[in-house]
Amino acid sequence: MDAMTYEVFRSLVDTDPIPHVVINHLPEGVEMPPLPETTKVCKLEEFKDDMVPVDGCVAIVVQKPEDKPALESQHPVMFFSIDVQPDPEFKEPESFSCDTILKSDGSLFVLDIRRYDEVQNFGALPHSLNIPLHDLLRELNEGAHSENLRTILTTDKPIVTCCRTQRRAGFTARLLNSIGLKDVHYVFKGACGCAEEPESGMLCYPSYEVGEELPKSCHA
């Protein structure tokens, strides 16, 4: 995967769809793009893998695309060049309702990017393919495409991404659009929105991170 587009980078840092650490690899005197105050930022020499959560990623900010440094990490590593400008023709992905997904009868390619434990504990959308976002990023970054990823990249169906709310799904829709997939959308309100549809069989959960106990309201 090439460096992130402006829109994908802003989606990552502004909505925090997946835990991340930003590495400042800019020359001295060159300012970082504006970031939320809560963003973890460090220099390349300060970075340690344990700074990133299990399901997180690393975003390295450089001045020019050719300035990308080598970094070995167990997490997905993405790059953003501050020379990259916003795309004047960029269009936000369209959101689909869960009702639309449930009634699609296989005409849509539904990509569930929640973690495996989320899907197991709170339910899966019918006819969906589950690839956790951090695994999707790792595969795109390394170019080692699994059969599931190849299916996504070659499908002729509209792709609809889904997560718990819609932050990860919106980010993923923008990301897939940036690598050339044009017919990409996301599920409005995500799994929690789908939980409002009894036939989905999904449970709404307020928050659930790796290693946490299940929310009491979501126990079967």
N, C-alpha and C. Protein backbone atom coordinates (compact mmCIF):
# COMPACT_ATOMS: atom_id res chain seq x y z
N MET A 1 0.84 -1.19 0.00
CA MET A 1 0.00 0.00 0.00
C MET A 1 0.87 1.24 0.00
N ASP A 2 0.59 2.17 -0.89
CA ASP A 2 1.34 3.41 -0.94
C ASP A 2 0.98 4.28 0.27
N ALA A 3 1.59 5.44 0.34
CA ALA A 3 1.30 6.35 1.45
C ALA A 3 -0.18 6.73 1.47
N MET A 4 -0.66 7.06 2.66
CA MET A 4 -2.05 7.44 2.82
C MET A 4 -2.36 8.73 2.07
N THR A 5 -3.58 8.83 1.56
CA THR A 5 -4.04 10.09 1.00
C THR A 5 -4.33 11.05 2.15
N TYR A 6 -4.48 12.32 1.79
CA TYR A 6 -4.81 13.33 2.81
C TYR A 6 -6.09 12.95 3.55
N GLU A 7 -7.10 12.50 2.80
CA GLU A 7 -8.40 12.20 3.39
C GLU A 7 -8.33 11.01 4.33
N VAL A 8 -7.54 10.00 3.98
CA VAL A 8 -7.41 8.82 4.84
C VAL A 8 -6.64 9.18 6.11
N PHE A 9 -5.59 9.98 5.99
CA PHE A 9 -4.82 10.39 7.17
C PHE A 9 -5.68 11.20 8.12
N ARG A 10 -6.44 12.16 7.59
CA ARG A 10 -7.30 12.98 8.45
C ARG A 10 -8.36 12.13 9.12
N SER A 11 -8.88 11.14 8.41
CA SER A 11 -9.88 10.25 8.99
C SER A 11 -9.28 9.45 10.15
N LEU A 12 -8.02 9.02 9.99
CA LEU A 12 -7.35 8.25 11.03
C LEU A 12 -7.13 9.09 12.29
N VAL A 13 -6.56 10.27 12.14
CA VAL A 13 -6.18 11.06 13.31
C VAL A 13 -7.36 11.83 13.91
N ASP A 14 -8.33 12.21 13.10
CA ASP A 14 -9.43 13.02 13.62
C ASP A 14 -10.54 12.20 14.26
N THR A 15 -10.81 11.01 13.74
CA THR A 15 -11.89 10.19 14.30
C THR A 15 -11.38 9.03 15.13
N ASP A 16 -10.07 8.77 15.11
CA ASP A 16 -9.45 7.71 15.90
C ASP A 16 -10.20 6.38 15.74
N PRO A 17 -10.34 5.89 14.51
CA PRO A 17 -11.09 4.66 14.30
C PRO A 17 -10.36 3.42 14.81
N ILE A 18 -9.06 3.53 14.95
CA ILE A 18 -8.25 2.39 15.42
C ILE A 18 -7.11 2.98 16.24
N PRO A 19 -6.74 2.36 17.38
CA PRO A 19 -5.65 2.91 18.20
C PRO A 19 -4.38 3.07 17.36
N HIS A 20 -3.70 4.19 17.51
CA HIS A 20 -2.52 4.42 16.68
C HIS A 20 -1.52 5.32 17.39
N VAL A 21 -0.28 5.21 16.94
CA VAL A 21 0.79 6.10 17.36
C VAL A 21 1.32 6.79 16.12
N VAL A 22 1.50 8.11 16.19
CA VAL A 22 2.04 8.89 15.07
C VAL A 22 3.53 9.12 15.32
N ILE A 23 4.34 8.74 14.34
CA ILE A 23 5.78 8.98 14.43
C ILE A 23 6.12 10.21 13.58
N ASN A 24 6.73 11.19 14.22
CA ASN A 24 7.15 12.42 13.53
C ASN A 24 8.53 12.19 12.92
N HIS A 25 8.55 12.00 11.60
CA HIS A 25 9.82 11.79 10.90
C HIS A 25 10.10 12.95 9.94
N LEU A 26 9.68 14.13 10.35
CA LEU A 26 9.88 15.33 9.53
C LEU A 26 11.24 15.96 9.83
N PRO A 27 11.84 16.65 8.87
CA PRO A 27 13.11 17.35 9.12
C PRO A 27 12.93 18.41 10.20
N GLU A 28 14.00 18.73 10.87
CA GLU A 28 13.95 19.76 11.91
C GLU A 28 13.45 21.08 11.31
N GLY A 29 12.53 21.70 12.00
CA GLY A 29 11.97 22.97 11.55
C GLY A 29 10.71 22.84 10.72
N VAL A 30 10.38 21.62 10.31
CA VAL A 30 9.15 21.40 9.54
C VAL A 30 8.04 20.99 10.51
N GLU A 31 6.93 21.71 10.46
CA GLU A 31 5.86 21.49 11.42
C GLU A 31 4.98 20.29 11.06
N MET A 32 4.54 19.61 12.09
CA MET A 32 3.59 18.51 11.92
C MET A 32 2.23 19.08 11.53
N PRO A 33 1.42 18.29 10.81
CA PRO A 33 0.04 18.70 10.57
C PRO A 33 -0.69 18.78 11.91
N PRO A 34 -1.74 19.56 12.00
CA PRO A 34 -2.49 19.64 13.26
C PRO A 34 -3.06 18.28 13.65
N LEU A 35 -2.87 17.94 14.93
CA LEU A 35 -3.34 16.65 15.44
C LEU A 35 -4.15 16.88 16.71
N PRO A 36 -5.10 16.02 17.01
CA PRO A 36 -5.82 16.12 18.29
C PRO A 36 -4.85 16.04 19.45
N GLU A 37 -5.17 16.71 20.56
CA GLU A 37 -4.27 16.73 21.71
C GLU A 37 -4.03 15.34 22.29
N THR A 38 -4.97 14.43 22.09
CA THR A 38 -4.85 13.09 22.67
C THR A 38 -3.98 12.15 21.85
N THR A 39 -3.53 12.59 20.67
CA THR A 39 -2.73 11.73 19.79
C THR A 39 -1.35 11.44 20.40
N LYS A 40 -0.97 10.18 20.40
CA LYS A 40 0.38 9.81 20.86
C LYS A 40 1.37 10.10 19.73
N VAL A 41 2.35 10.97 19.98
CA VAL A 41 3.34 11.33 18.97
C VAL A 41 4.73 11.10 19.53
N CYS A 42 5.62 10.54 18.71
CA CYS A 42 6.99 10.34 19.14
C CYS A 42 7.91 10.41 17.92
N LYS A 43 9.21 10.46 18.17
CA LYS A 43 10.21 10.38 17.12
C LYS A 43 10.50 8.91 16.81
N LEU A 44 11.08 8.67 15.63
CA LEU A 44 11.36 7.30 15.22
C LEU A 44 12.23 6.58 16.23
N GLU A 45 13.27 7.26 16.74
CA GLU A 45 14.19 6.62 17.68
C GLU A 45 13.55 6.37 19.05
N GLU A 46 12.43 7.01 19.33
CA GLU A 46 11.75 6.83 20.61
C GLU A 46 10.69 5.72 20.55
N PHE A 47 10.34 5.29 19.34
CA PHE A 47 9.23 4.36 19.19
C PHE A 47 9.56 2.97 19.71
N LYS A 48 8.59 2.40 20.43
CA LYS A 48 8.66 1.01 20.89
C LYS A 48 7.33 0.35 20.56
N ASP A 49 7.41 -0.91 20.18
CA ASP A 49 6.20 -1.62 19.74
C ASP A 49 5.12 -1.66 20.81
N ASP A 50 5.54 -1.71 22.08
CA ASP A 50 4.53 -1.83 23.14
C ASP A 50 3.78 -0.52 23.39
N MET A 51 4.11 0.53 22.65
CA MET A 51 3.36 1.78 22.74
C MET A 51 2.01 1.65 22.02
N VAL A 52 1.90 0.64 21.16
CA VAL A 52 0.70 0.47 20.34
C VAL A 52 -0.14 -0.68 20.88
N PRO A 53 -1.46 -0.49 21.05
CA PRO A 53 -2.32 -1.59 21.49
C PRO A 53 -2.29 -2.76 20.51
N VAL A 54 -2.76 -3.91 20.97
CA VAL A 54 -2.72 -5.13 20.17
C VAL A 54 -3.37 -4.92 18.80
N ASP A 55 -4.48 -4.21 18.78
CA ASP A 55 -5.22 -4.04 17.52
C ASP A 55 -4.98 -2.66 16.90
N GLY A 56 -3.80 -2.07 17.19
CA GLY A 56 -3.51 -0.73 16.70
C GLY A 56 -2.60 -0.70 15.48
N CYS A 57 -2.20 0.51 15.10
CA CYS A 57 -1.32 0.68 13.94
C CYS A 57 -0.37 1.85 14.20
N VAL A 58 0.60 2.00 13.30
CA VAL A 58 1.59 3.06 13.38
C VAL A 58 1.45 3.94 12.14
N ALA A 59 1.44 5.25 12.33
CA ALA A 59 1.38 6.18 11.20
C ALA A 59 2.63 7.06 11.24
N ILE A 60 3.46 6.96 10.21
CA ILE A 60 4.70 7.73 10.14
C ILE A 60 4.48 8.93 9.21
N VAL A 61 4.73 10.12 9.73
CA VAL A 61 4.56 11.34 8.94
C VAL A 61 5.92 11.78 8.40
N VAL A 62 6.02 11.90 7.07
CA VAL A 62 7.27 12.30 6.41
C VAL A 62 6.99 13.53 5.55
N GLN A 63 8.06 14.17 5.08
CA GLN A 63 7.87 15.34 4.22
C GLN A 63 7.59 14.91 2.78
N LYS A 64 8.41 14.02 2.27
CA LYS A 64 8.25 13.54 0.90
C LYS A 64 8.08 12.02 0.91
N PRO A 65 7.34 11.47 -0.04
CA PRO A 65 7.13 10.01 -0.06
C PRO A 65 8.42 9.21 -0.02
N GLU A 66 9.47 9.73 -0.66
CA GLU A 66 10.74 8.98 -0.68
C GLU A 66 11.49 9.03 0.65
N ASP A 67 10.96 9.80 1.63
CA ASP A 67 11.61 9.90 2.94
C ASP A 67 11.19 8.76 3.88
N LYS A 68 10.39 7.82 3.39
CA LYS A 68 9.88 6.76 4.27
C LYS A 68 11.03 5.96 4.90
N PRO A 69 11.08 5.89 6.21
CA PRO A 69 12.13 5.09 6.87
C PRO A 69 11.71 3.64 6.99
N ALA A 70 12.68 2.78 7.20
CA ALA A 70 12.37 1.38 7.47
C ALA A 70 12.01 1.23 8.94
N LEU A 71 10.96 0.50 9.21
CA LEU A 71 10.55 0.27 10.59
C LEU A 71 9.98 -1.14 10.71
N GLU A 72 10.59 -1.94 11.56
CA GLU A 72 10.07 -3.28 11.82
C GLU A 72 9.12 -3.20 13.00
N SER A 73 7.91 -3.67 12.80
CA SER A 73 6.90 -3.64 13.85
C SER A 73 5.94 -4.79 13.65
N GLN A 74 5.38 -5.27 14.76
CA GLN A 74 4.36 -6.31 14.67
C GLN A 74 3.01 -5.72 14.30
N HIS A 75 2.94 -4.38 14.23
CA HIS A 75 1.71 -3.69 13.91
C HIS A 75 1.75 -3.17 12.46
N PRO A 76 0.59 -2.91 11.87
CA PRO A 76 0.58 -2.31 10.53
C PRO A 76 1.26 -0.94 10.58
N VAL A 77 2.06 -0.64 9.57
CA VAL A 77 2.77 0.65 9.49
C VAL A 77 2.31 1.36 8.22
N MET A 78 1.80 2.59 8.38
CA MET A 78 1.35 3.39 7.25
C MET A 78 2.11 4.70 7.23
N PHE A 79 2.12 5.33 6.06
CA PHE A 79 2.88 6.56 5.89
C PHE A 79 1.99 7.68 5.36
N PHE A 80 2.32 8.91 5.78
CA PHE A 80 1.65 10.08 5.23
C PHE A 80 2.69 11.15 4.94
N SER A 81 2.69 11.66 3.71
CA SER A 81 3.58 12.74 3.32
C SER A 81 2.84 14.08 3.41
N ILE A 82 3.44 15.05 4.09
CA ILE A 82 2.78 16.35 4.22
C ILE A 82 2.74 17.09 2.88
N ASP A 83 3.45 16.59 1.88
CA ASP A 83 3.36 17.18 0.55
C ASP A 83 2.08 16.79 -0.16
N VAL A 84 1.38 15.76 0.35
CA VAL A 84 0.13 15.30 -0.27
C VAL A 84 -0.98 16.29 0.04
N GLN A 85 -1.66 16.74 -0.98
CA GLN A 85 -2.72 17.74 -0.83
C GLN A 85 -4.10 17.07 -0.88
N PRO A 86 -5.12 17.74 -0.33
CA PRO A 86 -6.48 17.20 -0.43
C PRO A 86 -6.89 17.01 -1.88
N ASP A 87 -7.67 15.98 -2.12
CA ASP A 87 -8.18 15.69 -3.46
C ASP A 87 -9.45 16.52 -3.69
N PRO A 88 -9.41 17.48 -4.63
CA PRO A 88 -10.59 18.32 -4.85
C PRO A 88 -11.81 17.55 -5.34
N GLU A 89 -11.60 16.34 -5.85
CA GLU A 89 -12.71 15.53 -6.36
C GLU A 89 -13.14 14.45 -5.37
N PHE A 90 -12.57 14.49 -4.15
CA PHE A 90 -12.90 13.47 -3.16
C PHE A 90 -14.37 13.58 -2.75
N LYS A 91 -15.03 12.42 -2.70
CA LYS A 91 -16.41 12.36 -2.25
C LYS A 91 -16.50 11.40 -1.07
N GLU A 92 -17.18 11.84 -0.02
CA GLU A 92 -17.35 10.99 1.15
C GLU A 92 -18.13 9.73 0.77
N PRO A 93 -17.73 8.57 1.30
CA PRO A 93 -18.48 7.34 1.03
C PRO A 93 -19.92 7.48 1.51
N GLU A 94 -20.81 6.83 0.82
CA GLU A 94 -22.23 6.86 1.18
C GLU A 94 -22.50 5.84 2.27
N SER A 95 -23.38 6.18 3.20
CA SER A 95 -23.75 5.23 4.24
C SER A 95 -25.00 4.47 3.85
N PHE A 96 -25.04 3.19 4.22
CA PHE A 96 -26.20 2.34 3.99
C PHE A 96 -26.82 1.98 5.33
N SER A 97 -28.12 1.87 5.39
CA SER A 97 -28.78 1.44 6.61
C SER A 97 -28.62 -0.07 6.78
N CYS A 98 -28.73 -0.54 8.02
CA CYS A 98 -28.65 -1.98 8.25
C CYS A 98 -29.80 -2.69 7.57
N ASP A 99 -30.96 -2.05 7.52
CA ASP A 99 -32.11 -2.64 6.86
C ASP A 99 -31.79 -2.94 5.39
N THR A 100 -31.07 -2.02 4.75
CA THR A 100 -30.65 -2.23 3.36
C THR A 100 -29.74 -3.44 3.24
N ILE A 101 -28.82 -3.58 4.21
CA ILE A 101 -27.90 -4.70 4.20
C ILE A 101 -28.64 -6.02 4.37
N LEU A 102 -29.58 -6.05 5.31
CA LEU A 102 -30.29 -7.28 5.60
C LEU A 102 -31.18 -7.73 4.44
N LYS A 103 -31.63 -6.77 3.64
CA LYS A 103 -32.52 -7.10 2.53
C LYS A 103 -31.79 -7.20 1.20
N SER A 104 -30.46 -7.14 1.24
CA SER A 104 -29.70 -7.11 -0.02
C SER A 104 -29.66 -8.46 -0.71
N ASP A 105 -29.87 -9.54 0.04
CA ASP A 105 -29.93 -10.88 -0.53
C ASP A 105 -28.67 -11.23 -1.34
N GLY A 106 -27.52 -10.84 -0.79
CA GLY A 106 -26.26 -11.21 -1.43
C GLY A 106 -25.80 -10.31 -2.55
N SER A 107 -26.54 -9.24 -2.83
CA SER A 107 -26.15 -8.34 -3.92
C SER A 107 -25.04 -7.39 -3.51
N LEU A 108 -24.75 -7.31 -2.20
CA LEU A 108 -23.69 -6.45 -1.68
C LEU A 108 -22.59 -7.31 -1.07
N PHE A 109 -21.36 -6.81 -1.13
CA PHE A 109 -20.24 -7.48 -0.46
C PHE A 109 -20.07 -6.79 0.90
N VAL A 110 -20.48 -7.47 1.96
CA VAL A 110 -20.44 -6.87 3.30
C VAL A 110 -19.15 -7.28 4.01
N LEU A 111 -18.33 -6.30 4.35
CA LEU A 111 -17.03 -6.53 5.00
C LEU A 111 -17.12 -6.07 6.45
N ASP A 112 -17.10 -7.01 7.37
CA ASP A 112 -17.16 -6.71 8.80
C ASP A 112 -15.73 -6.59 9.31
N ILE A 113 -15.34 -5.40 9.76
CA ILE A 113 -13.94 -5.17 10.15
C ILE A 113 -13.77 -5.14 11.67
N ARG A 114 -14.78 -5.60 12.39
CA ARG A 114 -14.62 -5.72 13.84
C ARG A 114 -13.64 -6.86 14.17
N ARG A 115 -13.12 -6.82 15.38
CA ARG A 115 -12.24 -7.89 15.82
C ARG A 115 -13.03 -9.20 15.90
N TYR A 116 -12.31 -10.33 15.84
CA TYR A 116 -12.98 -11.63 15.89
C TYR A 116 -13.78 -11.78 17.18
N ASP A 117 -13.24 -11.30 18.30
CA ASP A 117 -13.94 -11.46 19.58
C ASP A 117 -15.22 -10.63 19.61
N GLU A 118 -15.24 -9.49 18.94
CA GLU A 118 -16.46 -8.69 18.88
C GLU A 118 -17.55 -9.44 18.12
N VAL A 119 -17.17 -10.00 16.99
CA VAL A 119 -18.15 -10.74 16.18
C VAL A 119 -18.66 -11.95 16.93
N GLN A 120 -17.74 -12.66 17.60
CA GLN A 120 -18.13 -13.87 18.34
C GLN A 120 -19.08 -13.54 19.48
N ASN A 121 -18.81 -12.44 20.20
CA ASN A 121 -19.59 -12.13 21.39
C ASN A 121 -20.89 -11.37 21.11
N PHE A 122 -20.92 -10.62 20.01
CA PHE A 122 -22.07 -9.75 19.81
C PHE A 122 -22.82 -9.99 18.50
N GLY A 123 -22.39 -10.98 17.73
CA GLY A 123 -23.14 -11.34 16.54
C GLY A 123 -22.54 -10.83 15.25
N ALA A 124 -22.80 -11.56 14.16
CA ALA A 124 -22.27 -11.20 12.84
C ALA A 124 -23.42 -10.89 11.89
N LEU A 125 -23.15 -10.00 10.96
CA LEU A 125 -24.13 -9.73 9.91
C LEU A 125 -24.26 -10.94 8.99
N PRO A 126 -25.46 -11.24 8.53
CA PRO A 126 -25.61 -12.36 7.60
C PRO A 126 -24.81 -12.13 6.31
N HIS A 127 -24.22 -13.18 5.80
CA HIS A 127 -23.52 -13.15 4.51
C HIS A 127 -22.35 -12.15 4.49
N SER A 128 -21.72 -11.94 5.64
CA SER A 128 -20.60 -11.00 5.70
C SER A 128 -19.27 -11.74 5.81
N LEU A 129 -18.20 -11.06 5.41
CA LEU A 129 -16.84 -11.57 5.55
C LEU A 129 -16.16 -10.75 6.64
N ASN A 130 -15.55 -11.42 7.61
CA ASN A 130 -14.92 -10.74 8.74
C ASN A 130 -13.41 -10.73 8.59
N ILE A 131 -12.84 -9.52 8.42
CA ILE A 131 -11.40 -9.31 8.49
C ILE A 131 -11.18 -8.12 9.42
N PRO A 132 -10.64 -8.32 10.62
CA PRO A 132 -10.41 -7.19 11.53
C PRO A 132 -9.58 -6.10 10.86
N LEU A 133 -9.88 -4.86 11.20
CA LEU A 133 -9.24 -3.73 10.53
C LEU A 133 -7.72 -3.79 10.63
N HIS A 134 -7.18 -4.13 11.81
CA HIS A 134 -5.72 -4.14 11.93
C HIS A 134 -5.10 -5.24 11.06
N ASP A 135 -5.81 -6.34 10.86
CA ASP A 135 -5.32 -7.38 9.96
C ASP A 135 -5.40 -6.92 8.51
N LEU A 136 -6.48 -6.23 8.17
CA LEU A 136 -6.64 -5.69 6.81
C LEU A 136 -5.51 -4.72 6.49
N LEU A 137 -5.20 -3.83 7.44
CA LEU A 137 -4.13 -2.86 7.24
C LEU A 137 -2.79 -3.56 7.08
N ARG A 138 -2.56 -4.59 7.88
CA ARG A 138 -1.28 -5.31 7.81
C ARG A 138 -1.11 -5.98 6.44
N GLU A 139 -2.17 -6.61 5.96
CA GLU A 139 -2.10 -7.28 4.66
C GLU A 139 -1.87 -6.28 3.53
N LEU A 140 -2.57 -5.16 3.59
CA LEU A 140 -2.39 -4.13 2.55
C LEU A 140 -0.98 -3.56 2.62
N ASN A 141 -0.47 -3.40 3.83
CA ASN A 141 0.85 -2.81 4.02
C ASN A 141 1.96 -3.75 3.54
N GLU A 142 1.81 -5.04 3.84
CA GLU A 142 2.86 -6.00 3.51
C GLU A 142 2.73 -6.54 2.09
N GLY A 143 1.55 -6.35 1.48
CA GLY A 143 1.35 -6.87 0.14
C GLY A 143 1.15 -8.38 0.11
N ALA A 144 1.03 -8.99 1.31
CA ALA A 144 0.82 -10.43 1.40
C ALA A 144 -0.68 -10.68 1.48
N HIS A 145 -1.35 -10.66 0.36
CA HIS A 145 -2.80 -10.72 0.32
C HIS A 145 -3.31 -12.13 0.55
N SER A 146 -4.20 -12.26 1.54
CA SER A 146 -4.85 -13.54 1.79
C SER A 146 -5.94 -13.76 0.75
N GLU A 147 -6.49 -14.96 0.74
CA GLU A 147 -7.58 -15.26 -0.19
C GLU A 147 -8.77 -14.33 0.07
N ASN A 148 -9.05 -14.06 1.36
CA ASN A 148 -10.16 -13.17 1.69
C ASN A 148 -9.93 -11.76 1.15
N LEU A 149 -8.71 -11.25 1.30
CA LEU A 149 -8.42 -9.91 0.80
C LEU A 149 -8.49 -9.87 -0.72
N ARG A 150 -8.00 -10.90 -1.37
CA ARG A 150 -8.08 -10.94 -2.83
C ARG A 150 -9.53 -10.93 -3.29
N THR A 151 -10.40 -11.59 -2.52
CA THR A 151 -11.82 -11.59 -2.84
C THR A 151 -12.38 -10.17 -2.78
N ILE A 152 -11.97 -9.42 -1.77
CA ILE A 152 -12.42 -8.03 -1.62
C ILE A 152 -11.94 -7.19 -2.80
N LEU A 153 -10.68 -7.33 -3.13
CA LEU A 153 -10.07 -6.47 -4.15
C LEU A 153 -10.58 -6.78 -5.56
N THR A 154 -11.17 -7.96 -5.73
CA THR A 154 -11.59 -8.34 -7.08
C THR A 154 -13.11 -8.45 -7.23
N THR A 155 -13.87 -8.21 -6.17
CA THR A 155 -15.31 -8.35 -6.27
C THR A 155 -15.91 -7.31 -7.23
N ASP A 156 -16.98 -7.70 -7.89
CA ASP A 156 -17.68 -6.76 -8.76
C ASP A 156 -18.96 -6.24 -8.09
N LYS A 157 -19.12 -6.58 -6.80
CA LYS A 157 -20.27 -6.10 -6.04
C LYS A 157 -19.90 -4.81 -5.29
N PRO A 158 -20.88 -3.97 -5.00
CA PRO A 158 -20.61 -2.84 -4.11
C PRO A 158 -20.15 -3.36 -2.76
N ILE A 159 -19.12 -2.74 -2.19
CA ILE A 159 -18.59 -3.15 -0.89
C ILE A 159 -19.18 -2.25 0.19
N VAL A 160 -19.63 -2.88 1.28
CA VAL A 160 -20.17 -2.13 2.41
C VAL A 160 -19.42 -2.57 3.66
N THR A 161 -18.74 -1.65 4.33
CA THR A 161 -17.96 -1.97 5.52
C THR A 161 -18.82 -1.77 6.77
N CYS A 162 -18.53 -2.56 7.80
CA CYS A 162 -19.31 -2.48 9.03
C CYS A 162 -18.39 -2.64 10.24
N CYS A 163 -18.65 -1.86 11.31
CA CYS A 163 -17.93 -2.01 12.57
C CYS A 163 -18.93 -1.88 13.71
N ARG A 164 -18.52 -1.43 14.88
CA ARG A 164 -19.46 -1.31 16.00
C ARG A 164 -20.36 -0.09 15.85
N THR A 165 -19.75 1.07 15.57
CA THR A 165 -20.52 2.30 15.40
C THR A 165 -20.51 2.66 13.92
N GLN A 166 -19.47 3.34 13.48
CA GLN A 166 -19.25 3.55 12.05
C GLN A 166 -17.91 4.22 11.80
N ARG A 167 -17.14 4.45 12.88
CA ARG A 167 -15.85 5.13 12.72
C ARG A 167 -14.85 4.28 11.93
N ARG A 168 -14.65 3.03 12.36
CA ARG A 168 -13.72 2.16 11.64
C ARG A 168 -14.21 1.90 10.22
N ALA A 169 -15.53 1.73 10.09
CA ALA A 169 -16.10 1.43 8.77
C ALA A 169 -15.94 2.61 7.82
N GLY A 170 -16.17 3.83 8.32
CA GLY A 170 -15.99 5.01 7.47
C GLY A 170 -14.55 5.18 7.04
N PHE A 171 -13.63 4.97 7.98
CA PHE A 171 -12.19 5.04 7.66
C PHE A 171 -11.82 4.01 6.61
N THR A 172 -12.31 2.78 6.78
CA THR A 172 -11.98 1.70 5.85
C THR A 172 -12.55 1.97 4.47
N ALA A 173 -13.75 2.52 4.40
CA ALA A 173 -14.34 2.85 3.11
C ALA A 173 -13.48 3.88 2.38
N ARG A 174 -13.00 4.88 3.11
CA ARG A 174 -12.12 5.90 2.50
C ARG A 174 -10.80 5.26 2.06
N LEU A 175 -10.27 4.35 2.90
CA LEU A 175 -9.01 3.69 2.58
C LEU A 175 -9.14 2.85 1.32
N LEU A 176 -10.18 2.03 1.23
CA LEU A 176 -10.37 1.18 0.05
C LEU A 176 -10.60 2.02 -1.19
N ASN A 177 -11.31 3.13 -1.02
CA ASN A 177 -11.51 4.04 -2.14
C ASN A 177 -10.18 4.61 -2.63
N SER A 178 -9.28 4.89 -1.68
CA SER A 178 -8.00 5.51 -2.04
C SER A 178 -7.08 4.58 -2.80
N ILE A 179 -7.30 3.24 -2.69
CA ILE A 179 -6.45 2.29 -3.41
C ILE A 179 -7.11 1.80 -4.69
N GLY A 180 -8.21 2.47 -5.06
CA GLY A 180 -8.78 2.19 -6.38
C GLY A 180 -10.14 1.54 -6.40
N LEU A 181 -10.69 1.16 -5.24
CA LEU A 181 -12.03 0.57 -5.21
C LEU A 181 -13.05 1.71 -5.08
N LYS A 182 -13.86 1.89 -6.09
CA LYS A 182 -14.71 3.08 -6.15
C LYS A 182 -16.10 2.90 -5.56
N ASP A 183 -16.63 1.68 -5.58
CA ASP A 183 -18.01 1.46 -5.14
C ASP A 183 -17.98 0.93 -3.71
N VAL A 184 -17.57 1.80 -2.76
CA VAL A 184 -17.39 1.39 -1.37
C VAL A 184 -18.24 2.27 -0.46
N HIS A 185 -18.94 1.66 0.49
CA HIS A 185 -19.85 2.35 1.39
C HIS A 185 -19.64 1.82 2.80
N TYR A 186 -20.42 2.31 3.76
CA TYR A 186 -20.32 1.79 5.12
C TYR A 186 -21.71 1.75 5.75
N VAL A 187 -21.84 0.93 6.81
CA VAL A 187 -23.12 0.76 7.48
C VAL A 187 -23.33 1.88 8.50
N PHE A 188 -24.39 2.62 8.35
CA PHE A 188 -24.73 3.72 9.26
C PHE A 188 -25.01 3.16 10.66
N LYS A 189 -24.32 3.70 11.66
CA LYS A 189 -24.43 3.29 13.06
C LYS A 189 -23.86 1.90 13.33
N GLY A 190 -23.37 1.22 12.31
CA GLY A 190 -22.68 -0.04 12.49
C GLY A 190 -23.51 -1.12 13.15
N ALA A 191 -22.81 -1.97 13.95
CA ALA A 191 -23.49 -3.08 14.61
C ALA A 191 -24.54 -2.60 15.59
N CYS A 192 -24.28 -1.47 16.24
CA CYS A 192 -25.28 -0.95 17.19
C CYS A 192 -26.54 -0.53 16.45
N GLY A 193 -26.40 0.02 15.27
CA GLY A 193 -27.58 0.34 14.47
C GLY A 193 -28.30 -0.91 14.03
N CYS A 194 -27.53 -1.93 13.69
CA CYS A 194 -28.13 -3.20 13.26
C CYS A 194 -28.85 -3.90 14.40
N ALA A 195 -28.38 -3.67 15.62
CA ALA A 195 -29.02 -4.29 16.78
C ALA A 195 -30.46 -3.82 16.93
N GLU A 196 -30.79 -2.67 16.31
CA GLU A 196 -32.17 -2.17 16.36
C GLU A 196 -33.09 -2.98 15.46
N GLU A 197 -32.47 -3.78 14.57
CA GLU A 197 -33.26 -4.66 13.69
C GLU A 197 -33.24 -6.07 14.27
N PRO A 198 -34.35 -6.54 14.86
CA PRO A 198 -34.36 -7.85 15.54
C PRO A 198 -33.87 -8.99 14.67
N GLU A 199 -34.15 -8.92 13.36
CA GLU A 199 -33.77 -10.04 12.50
C GLU A 199 -32.26 -10.12 12.27
N SER A 200 -31.53 -9.08 12.67
CA SER A 200 -30.08 -9.13 12.48
C SER A 200 -29.42 -10.08 13.46
N GLY A 201 -30.04 -10.29 14.62
CA GLY A 201 -29.46 -11.17 15.63
C GLY A 201 -28.23 -10.58 16.31
N MET A 202 -28.00 -9.27 16.16
CA MET A 202 -26.81 -8.65 16.73
C MET A 202 -27.15 -7.92 18.02
N LEU A 203 -26.15 -7.80 18.91
CA LEU A 203 -26.31 -7.11 20.17
C LEU A 203 -25.58 -5.78 20.12
N CYS A 204 -26.18 -4.75 20.72
CA CYS A 204 -25.52 -3.45 20.82
C CYS A 204 -24.64 -3.44 22.06
N TYR A 205 -23.43 -2.92 21.94
CA TYR A 205 -22.53 -2.85 23.08
C TYR A 205 -21.88 -1.47 23.10
N PRO A 206 -21.88 -0.81 24.27
CA PRO A 206 -21.39 0.58 24.35
C PRO A 206 -19.90 0.72 24.06
N SER A 207 -19.12 -0.25 24.47
CA SER A 207 -17.68 -0.22 24.23
C SER A 207 -17.11 -1.57 24.63
N TYR A 208 -16.06 -1.97 23.95
CA TYR A 208 -15.47 -3.26 24.29
C TYR A 208 -14.08 -3.33 23.68
N GLU A 209 -13.06 -3.30 24.53
CA GLU A 209 -11.68 -3.34 24.06
C GLU A 209 -11.08 -4.72 24.32
N VAL A 210 -9.95 -4.96 23.70
CA VAL A 210 -9.27 -6.25 23.85
C VAL A 210 -9.01 -6.55 25.32
N GLY A 211 -9.42 -7.73 25.77
CA GLY A 211 -9.13 -8.16 27.13
C GLY A 211 -10.15 -7.73 28.17
N GLU A 212 -11.09 -6.86 27.81
CA GLU A 212 -12.09 -6.41 28.77
C GLU A 212 -13.18 -7.48 28.96
N GLU A 213 -13.85 -7.41 30.11
CA GLU A 213 -14.99 -8.28 30.33
C GLU A 213 -16.15 -7.81 29.47
N LEU A 214 -17.04 -8.73 29.13
CA LEU A 214 -18.20 -8.36 28.33
C LEU A 214 -19.06 -7.36 29.09
N PRO A 215 -19.58 -6.34 28.42
CA PRO A 215 -20.51 -5.43 29.10
C PRO A 215 -21.68 -6.24 29.66
N LYS A 216 -22.09 -5.94 30.88
CA LYS A 216 -23.13 -6.72 31.53
C LYS A 216 -24.44 -6.72 30.73
N SER A 217 -24.72 -5.59 30.09
CA SER A 217 -25.97 -5.49 29.36
C SER A 217 -25.98 -6.35 28.10
N CYS A 218 -24.82 -6.92 27.77
CA CYS A 218 -24.73 -7.67 26.52
C CYS A 218 -24.54 -9.16 26.75
N HIS A 219 -24.54 -9.61 27.99
CA HIS A 219 -24.46 -11.04 28.23
C HIS A 219 -25.71 -11.72 27.71
N ALA A 220 -25.54 -12.89 27.09
CA ALA A 220 -26.70 -13.63 26.58
C ALA A 220 -27.56 -14.12 27.73
